[in-house]
Amino acid sequence: MTTDIIIPVQAERRYDVVIGRGLLGHLPGMLNGAQRVAIIHPRALGVSAEAMRDDLADSGFEVILIEVPEAEDAKTAEVAAFCWTALGAAGFTRSDAIIGLGGGATTDLAGFVAATWLRGIRVIHVPTTLLGMVDAAVGGKTGINTEAGKNLVGAFWSPSGVLCDANALETLPRNDLVAGMAEVVKIGFVRDGTILSDIEADPVRATDPGSDMLLDLIRRAVQVKADVVGADFHETSATSGDGSLGREVLNYGHTFGHAVERRERYQWRHGAAVAVGMVYVAELAALGGRLSDAEVDRHRSVLTALGLPISYPGGHWDALREAMAIDKKSRGSLLRFVVLNGIGNPGIWAGPDPSFLAAAYDAISS
């Protein structure tokens, strides 16, 4: 029997990320003191939400279910308002709690609803996708999308706990599991190169939901995120106290990736867009003399081994450039990218030459 892994996160308050299998027994303790609990979930997880409701009711909680749209369709002001209305009708107070059950989009929404209801109530995340486990549910970033772009409206609001139950990955569609690996690879490139080596050595086992290897990759990715978030929770500076890059490091590949998501009207999986974004920014770094050709090739090879995309159709540079201009890392008209100065050595490149930006796009165009 595998022992549960507990990773503490020190942000504006401390909470635990629990990693393992069969973890729902931890929920009542995380909800201690609440009378009412709202489970925000997509329709596809209706049966799981009902089972969770019944278990919590047996423990004495009053539980309501709030069904929201799938994936990024849930992250709108209209859906958030629907959730607020449900909380108001049920009489939720500051001592009550929300559970975000689902993928990264669901936990982003649930966190935002929790952060804004009565200026902040407790939220517990139960991510059911690999992306949610290693990225969205951990760290306290919450948000919804607007016509202008992704996650432009949001708040920093830490969960009171996160349960990463690897059993949920057993039924996760293969494409969703693979997409989640992009965020694991990202951690490998910016902080823990042994992640890359392990994936390269056995990409099949790395993506086997029943393997101890995948559980260990989740642990290592979450630990890095916990360390980074603890040092720079509000992403207030480019560097943390020890001189290393702060929380912005977690945005590696995201500037171009978010632009792809916007142009595709969020029909691309987030991880697929980030995979292409990492190759784009690697090409950009090579043009600036920061990365070698071999290191760029390594981006392509490890992502390809996992079945992730490494290119994007040509002919769309103007739309992508416009989308990048409103990225959260931009300052005025100045584009800022997280780039690598070698594997595991990230930095910020502010205002790359426009010709480099266009040339990097040409290099990844299919």
Protein backbone atom coordinates (compact mmCIF):
# COMPACT_ATOMS: atom_id res chain seq x y z
CA MET A 1 0.00 0.00 0.00
CA THR A 2 1.46 3.35 -1.08
CA THR A 3 1.85 5.92 1.69
CA ASP A 4 0.16 9.25 0.99
CA ILE A 5 2.58 12.03 0.10
CA ILE A 6 1.93 15.34 1.86
CA ILE A 7 3.56 18.49 0.49
CA PRO A 8 3.02 21.66 2.55
CA VAL A 9 2.61 24.94 0.70
CA GLN A 10 3.50 28.15 2.53
CA ALA A 11 1.69 31.02 0.83
CA GLU A 12 -0.46 33.68 2.50
CA ARG A 13 -1.51 30.73 4.65
CA ARG A 14 -0.31 27.16 4.93
CA TYR A 15 -2.10 24.24 3.30
CA ASP A 16 -1.30 20.69 2.29
CA VAL A 17 -1.26 19.01 -1.10
CA VAL A 18 -1.94 15.32 -0.58
CA ILE A 19 -0.81 12.94 -3.35
CA GLY A 20 -1.72 9.27 -3.47
CA ARG A 21 -4.59 6.93 -4.22
CA GLY A 22 -8.02 6.74 -2.57
CA LEU A 23 -7.77 10.07 -0.78
CA LEU A 24 -11.37 11.18 -0.25
CA GLY A 25 -11.22 10.19 3.40
CA HIS A 26 -9.17 13.37 3.94
CA LEU A 27 -12.07 15.65 2.93
CA PRO A 28 -14.09 15.84 6.17
CA GLY A 29 -11.04 16.94 8.12
CA MET A 30 -10.26 19.68 5.60
CA LEU A 31 -13.86 20.90 5.90
CA ASN A 32 -13.90 20.97 9.70
CA GLY A 33 -16.05 23.85 10.97
CA ALA A 34 -18.16 24.19 7.82
CA GLN A 35 -21.90 23.54 7.87
CA ARG A 36 -22.57 23.91 4.16
CA VAL A 37 -20.43 22.66 1.28
CA ALA A 38 -20.87 23.39 -2.43
CA ILE A 39 -19.32 21.00 -4.94
CA ILE A 40 -18.62 22.79 -8.23
CA HIS A 41 -18.24 20.20 -10.97
CA PRO A 42 -18.67 19.68 -14.72
CA ARG A 43 -21.53 17.54 -16.02
CA ALA A 44 -19.19 14.65 -16.88
CA LEU A 45 -18.39 14.25 -13.18
CA GLY A 46 -21.99 14.31 -12.02
CA VAL A 47 -21.92 10.75 -10.68
CA SER A 48 -18.66 11.40 -8.80
CA ALA A 49 -20.08 14.62 -7.35
CA GLU A 50 -23.21 12.80 -6.16
CA ALA A 51 -21.10 10.11 -4.47
CA MET A 52 -18.99 12.80 -2.80
CA ARG A 53 -22.15 14.58 -1.67
CA ASP A 54 -23.51 11.40 -0.10
CA ASP A 55 -20.25 10.69 1.72
CA LEU A 56 -20.09 14.23 3.11
CA ALA A 57 -23.76 14.13 4.10
CA ASP A 58 -22.97 11.01 6.15
CA SER A 59 -20.36 13.12 7.94
CA GLY A 60 -22.95 15.76 8.82
CA PHE A 61 -22.44 18.38 6.10
CA GLU A 62 -25.23 20.07 4.11
CA VAL A 63 -24.10 19.68 0.50
CA ILE A 64 -25.28 21.31 -2.70
CA LEU A 65 -24.09 20.49 -6.21
CA ILE A 66 -23.36 23.23 -8.72
CA GLU A 67 -22.96 21.85 -12.24
CA VAL A 68 -20.95 24.03 -14.63
CA PRO A 69 -19.95 23.69 -18.31
CA GLU A 70 -17.00 21.61 -19.42
CA ALA A 71 -13.43 22.91 -19.67
CA GLU A 72 -12.83 26.58 -20.56
CA ASP A 73 -16.54 27.17 -21.20
CA ALA A 74 -16.91 27.23 -17.40
CA LYS A 75 -14.55 30.17 -16.99
CA THR A 76 -16.90 33.06 -17.75
CA ALA A 77 -18.43 35.87 -15.72
CA GLU A 78 -21.87 34.40 -16.44
CA VAL A 79 -20.98 31.01 -14.95
CA ALA A 80 -19.34 32.66 -11.94
CA ALA A 81 -22.52 34.68 -11.38
CA PHE A 82 -24.57 31.48 -11.59
CA CYS A 83 -22.41 29.99 -8.83
CA TRP A 84 -22.78 33.11 -6.66
CA THR A 85 -26.55 32.91 -7.06
CA ALA A 86 -26.53 29.27 -5.92
CA LEU A 87 -24.42 30.12 -2.87
CA GLY A 88 -26.71 32.98 -1.96
CA ALA A 89 -29.84 30.83 -2.29
CA ALA A 90 -28.27 28.22 0.00
CA GLY A 91 -27.26 30.82 2.60
CA PHE A 92 -23.51 30.27 2.47
CA THR A 93 -21.57 32.08 5.19
CA ARG A 94 -17.88 32.74 5.71
CA SER A 95 -17.47 29.52 7.67
CA ASP A 96 -18.80 27.39 4.80
CA ALA A 97 -16.74 25.91 1.97
CA ILE A 98 -16.50 25.09 -1.72
CA ILE A 99 -15.00 22.01 -3.34
CA GLY A 100 -13.65 22.29 -6.88
CA LEU A 101 -14.02 18.83 -8.44
CA GLY A 102 -12.66 18.55 -11.96
CA GLY A 103 -9.89 19.67 -14.26
CA GLY A 104 -7.90 22.87 -14.18
CA ALA A 105 -10.68 25.03 -15.62
CA THR A 106 -13.08 23.87 -12.90
CA THR A 107 -10.61 24.51 -10.09
CA ASP A 108 -9.76 27.94 -11.58
CA LEU A 109 -13.47 28.81 -11.52
CA ALA A 110 -14.14 27.31 -8.08
CA GLY A 111 -11.19 29.19 -6.63
CA PHE A 112 -12.38 32.47 -8.14
CA VAL A 113 -15.92 31.95 -6.84
CA ALA A 114 -14.54 31.16 -3.38
CA ALA A 115 -12.24 34.19 -3.44
CA THR A 116 -15.06 36.56 -4.32
CA TRP A 117 -17.98 35.19 -2.26
CA LEU A 118 -18.11 37.25 0.96
CA ARG A 119 -14.57 38.37 0.01
CA GLY A 120 -13.24 34.89 0.54
CA ILE A 121 -14.40 31.52 1.82
CA ARG A 122 -12.63 28.20 2.07
CA VAL A 123 -12.02 26.12 -1.07
CA ILE A 124 -10.72 22.57 -1.35
CA HIS A 125 -9.54 21.37 -4.75
CA VAL A 126 -9.96 17.78 -5.90
CA PRO A 127 -8.35 17.83 -9.37
CA THR A 128 -9.26 14.95 -11.64
CA THR A 129 -6.75 15.65 -14.43
CA LEU A 130 -2.98 15.58 -14.50
CA LEU A 131 -2.93 19.26 -15.50
CA GLY A 132 -5.03 20.14 -12.48
CA MET A 133 -2.84 18.13 -10.13
CA VAL A 134 0.52 19.55 -11.14
CA ASP A 135 -0.51 23.07 -12.03
CA ALA A 136 -3.97 24.64 -11.82
CA ALA A 137 -5.13 23.37 -8.41
CA VAL A 138 -1.88 24.26 -6.63
CA GLY A 139 -0.63 27.77 -6.04
CA GLY A 140 -3.69 29.91 -5.42
CA LYS A 141 -4.10 31.54 -8.82
CA THR A 142 -7.78 31.73 -9.72
CA GLY A 143 -9.44 33.25 -12.73
CA ILE A 144 -11.93 33.45 -15.55
CA ASN A 145 -11.56 34.38 -19.19
CA THR A 146 -12.87 37.36 -21.15
CA GLU A 147 -13.08 38.15 -24.83
CA ALA A 148 -9.76 39.94 -24.45
CA GLY A 149 -7.87 36.87 -23.25
CA LYS A 150 -7.34 34.04 -20.78
CA ASN A 151 -7.29 34.48 -16.99
CA LEU A 152 -7.33 38.28 -17.22
CA VAL A 153 -9.88 38.49 -14.38
CA GLY A 154 -8.93 36.68 -11.21
CA ALA A 155 -7.55 36.73 -7.70
CA PHE A 156 -4.83 35.12 -5.62
CA TRP A 157 -6.66 32.84 -3.18
CA SER A 158 -5.02 29.77 -1.73
CA PRO A 159 -7.04 26.60 -1.27
CA SER A 160 -7.31 25.10 2.20
CA GLY A 161 -6.20 21.78 0.80
CA VAL A 162 -5.64 19.86 -2.44
CA LEU A 163 -6.25 16.15 -2.97
CA CYS A 164 -4.37 14.69 -5.95
CA ASP A 165 -5.91 11.24 -6.19
CA ALA A 166 -4.06 9.35 -8.93
CA ASN A 167 -6.94 6.88 -9.20
CA ALA A 168 -8.82 9.60 -11.10
CA LEU A 169 -6.24 9.36 -13.87
CA GLU A 170 -7.20 5.74 -14.61
CA THR A 171 -10.30 6.92 -16.51
CA LEU A 172 -8.84 10.15 -17.88
CA PRO A 173 -8.87 10.26 -21.71
CA ARG A 174 -5.41 9.60 -23.07
CA ASN A 175 -5.18 12.97 -24.83
CA ASP A 176 -5.95 14.78 -21.59
CA LEU A 177 -3.32 12.81 -19.69
CA VAL A 178 -0.70 13.54 -22.33
CA ALA A 179 -1.64 17.23 -22.38
CA GLY A 180 -1.08 17.41 -18.64
CA MET A 181 2.46 16.12 -19.14
CA ALA A 182 3.35 19.43 -20.79
CA GLU A 183 3.27 21.11 -17.38
CA VAL A 184 5.48 18.36 -15.94
CA VAL A 185 7.96 18.85 -18.79
CA LYS A 186 7.87 22.60 -18.15
CA ILE A 187 9.05 21.99 -14.57
CA GLY A 188 11.81 19.80 -15.98
CA PHE A 189 13.10 22.53 -18.26
CA VAL A 190 13.00 25.37 -15.74
CA ARG A 191 13.99 23.66 -12.51
CA ASP A 192 14.43 19.85 -12.34
CA GLY A 193 16.27 18.38 -15.32
CA THR A 194 16.03 14.86 -13.91
CA ILE A 195 12.33 14.96 -14.82
CA LEU A 196 13.36 15.26 -18.47
CA SER A 197 15.86 12.42 -18.18
CA ASP A 198 13.33 10.11 -16.60
CA ILE A 199 10.69 10.84 -19.23
CA GLU A 200 13.20 10.36 -22.02
CA ALA A 201 14.25 7.02 -20.55
CA ASP A 202 10.70 5.64 -20.37
CA PRO A 203 7.94 7.83 -21.84
CA VAL A 204 5.48 4.92 -21.78
CA ARG A 205 5.75 4.37 -18.03
CA ALA A 206 5.79 8.14 -17.45
CA THR A 207 2.29 8.29 -18.91
CA ASP A 208 0.94 5.11 -17.31
CA PRO A 209 -1.69 6.27 -14.78
CA GLY A 210 -1.12 3.17 -12.66
CA SER A 211 2.66 3.53 -12.43
CA ASP A 212 4.64 4.66 -9.42
CA MET A 213 6.76 6.68 -11.85
CA LEU A 214 3.87 8.97 -12.76
CA LEU A 215 3.03 9.39 -9.08
CA ASP A 216 6.64 10.41 -8.45
CA LEU A 217 6.59 12.87 -11.36
CA ILE A 218 3.48 14.46 -9.86
CA ARG A 219 5.23 14.71 -6.49
CA ARG A 220 8.31 16.37 -7.95
CA ALA A 221 6.32 18.82 -10.06
CA VAL A 222 4.12 19.79 -7.11
CA GLN A 223 7.15 20.21 -4.85
CA VAL A 224 8.77 22.64 -7.29
CA LYS A 225 5.54 24.61 -7.59
CA ALA A 226 5.15 24.68 -3.80
CA ASP A 227 8.68 26.03 -3.41
CA VAL A 228 8.20 28.69 -6.09
CA VAL A 229 4.78 29.80 -4.82
CA GLY A 230 6.03 30.00 -1.25
CA ALA A 231 8.79 32.38 -2.31
CA ASP A 232 6.65 34.66 -4.51
CA PHE A 233 2.94 34.05 -3.93
CA HIS A 234 1.63 37.22 -5.60
CA GLU A 235 4.13 37.16 -8.47
CA THR A 236 5.20 40.64 -7.42
CA SER A 237 8.76 40.59 -8.71
CA ALA A 238 10.88 38.98 -11.35
CA THR A 239 13.15 37.45 -8.73
CA SER A 240 12.69 35.88 -5.34
CA GLY A 241 14.79 36.63 -2.30
CA ASP A 242 17.65 34.31 -3.26
CA GLY A 243 18.13 36.02 -6.62
CA SER A 244 16.45 33.28 -8.65
CA LEU A 245 13.51 33.92 -10.93
CA GLY A 246 10.25 34.24 -8.98
CA ARG A 247 6.82 32.83 -9.74
CA GLU A 248 6.96 33.98 -13.34
CA VAL A 249 9.18 30.97 -13.98
CA LEU A 250 6.00 28.87 -14.01
CA ASN A 251 4.87 30.73 -17.12
CA TYR A 252 7.52 29.14 -19.32
CA GLY A 253 5.90 28.53 -22.71
CA HIS A 254 2.67 30.24 -21.66
CA THR A 255 2.93 33.59 -23.45
CA PHE A 256 2.79 32.03 -26.91
CA GLY A 257 0.66 29.14 -25.59
CA HIS A 258 -2.07 31.46 -24.33
CA ALA A 259 -2.03 33.26 -27.68
CA VAL A 260 -2.64 29.93 -29.41
CA GLU A 261 -5.48 29.14 -27.03
CA ARG A 262 -7.12 32.47 -27.71
CA ARG A 263 -6.82 32.16 -31.47
CA GLU A 264 -8.25 28.63 -31.29
CA ARG A 265 -11.12 29.92 -29.12
CA TYR A 266 -9.98 27.60 -26.32
CA GLN A 267 -10.62 24.46 -28.35
CA TRP A 268 -6.98 23.41 -27.95
CA ARG A 269 -6.03 21.67 -24.72
CA HIS A 270 -3.99 23.97 -22.51
CA GLY A 271 -1.09 21.52 -22.33
CA ALA A 272 -0.92 21.16 -26.10
CA ALA A 273 -0.74 24.94 -26.49
CA VAL A 274 1.96 25.21 -23.80
CA ALA A 275 3.98 22.47 -25.53
CA VAL A 276 4.06 24.52 -28.73
CA GLY A 277 4.75 27.61 -26.64
CA MET A 278 7.84 26.00 -25.11
CA VAL A 279 9.24 25.15 -28.53
CA TYR A 280 8.52 28.72 -29.69
CA VAL A 281 10.33 30.32 -26.77
CA ALA A 282 13.20 27.85 -27.09
CA GLU A 283 13.64 28.93 -30.72
CA LEU A 284 13.46 32.55 -29.57
CA ALA A 285 16.16 31.92 -26.95
CA ALA A 286 18.37 30.26 -29.56
CA LEU A 287 18.04 33.28 -31.84
CA GLY A 288 19.21 35.42 -28.93
CA GLY A 289 22.20 33.20 -28.27
CA ARG A 290 20.81 31.87 -24.99
CA LEU A 291 20.14 28.24 -25.95
CA SER A 292 22.06 25.83 -28.15
CA ASP A 293 20.52 24.06 -31.11
CA ALA A 294 20.85 20.79 -29.18
CA GLU A 295 18.82 22.21 -26.30
CA VAL A 296 16.12 23.35 -28.70
CA ASP A 297 16.11 19.88 -30.28
CA ARG A 298 15.68 18.42 -26.80
CA HIS A 299 12.44 20.38 -26.42
CA ARG A 300 11.16 18.82 -29.62
CA SER A 301 12.30 15.30 -28.82
CA VAL A 302 10.89 15.02 -25.28
CA LEU A 303 7.55 16.54 -26.28
CA THR A 304 7.31 14.36 -29.37
CA ALA A 305 8.08 11.26 -27.30
CA LEU A 306 5.01 12.06 -25.21
CA GLY A 307 2.81 12.70 -28.24
CA LEU A 308 2.56 16.47 -27.73
CA PRO A 309 2.52 18.98 -30.62
CA ILE A 310 5.64 20.98 -31.42
CA SER A 311 4.40 23.20 -34.28
CA TYR A 312 1.56 25.53 -35.22
CA PRO A 313 0.17 26.43 -38.66
CA GLY A 314 1.82 29.35 -40.38
CA GLY A 315 0.11 32.48 -41.62
CA HIS A 316 -1.29 33.68 -38.28
CA TRP A 317 1.52 35.79 -36.89
CA ASP A 318 -0.41 39.07 -36.67
CA ALA A 319 -3.22 37.53 -34.60
CA LEU A 320 -0.78 35.71 -32.31
CA ARG A 321 1.38 38.82 -31.84
CA GLU A 322 -1.71 40.83 -30.93
CA ALA A 323 -2.79 38.19 -28.39
CA MET A 324 0.67 38.14 -26.78
CA ALA A 325 0.52 41.91 -26.34
CA ILE A 326 -2.14 41.54 -23.62
CA ASP A 327 -0.36 38.72 -21.82
CA LYS A 328 -0.18 39.30 -18.06
CA LYS A 329 3.62 39.41 -18.18
CA SER A 330 3.64 42.32 -20.66
CA ARG A 331 4.45 45.79 -19.38
CA GLY A 332 2.85 48.49 -21.53
CA SER A 333 3.83 47.69 -25.10
CA LEU A 334 6.83 45.63 -23.96
CA LEU A 335 6.60 41.87 -24.39
CA ARG A 336 8.32 39.83 -21.68
CA PHE A 337 9.16 36.14 -22.02
CA VAL A 338 10.42 33.53 -19.61
CA VAL A 339 13.40 32.06 -21.49
CA LEU A 340 16.12 29.57 -20.71
CA ASN A 341 19.81 30.41 -20.51
CA GLY A 342 20.44 26.68 -20.54
CA ILE A 343 18.38 23.82 -19.10
CA GLY A 344 17.33 24.65 -15.53
CA ASN A 345 18.50 28.27 -15.80
CA PRO A 346 15.46 30.46 -16.55
CA GLY A 347 15.38 34.21 -16.90
CA ILE A 348 13.27 37.05 -18.29
CA TRP A 349 13.81 38.54 -21.74
CA ALA A 350 12.02 41.87 -22.02
CA GLY A 351 11.43 43.35 -25.47
CA PRO A 352 13.07 40.89 -27.87
CA ASP A 353 13.71 42.28 -31.35
CA PRO A 354 10.49 41.97 -33.41
CA SER A 355 12.45 40.18 -36.13
CA PHE A 356 13.42 37.49 -33.61
CA LEU A 357 9.78 37.07 -32.58
CA ALA A 358 8.67 36.56 -36.17
CA ALA A 359 11.61 34.27 -36.98
CA ALA A 360 10.82 32.04 -33.98
CA TYR A 361 7.28 31.68 -35.26
CA ASP A 362 8.57 30.74 -38.70
CA ALA A 363 10.75 28.07 -37.06
CA ILE A 364 7.75 26.37 -35.44
CA SER A 365 5.29 26.88 -38.29
CA SER A 366 3.95 23.75 -39.97
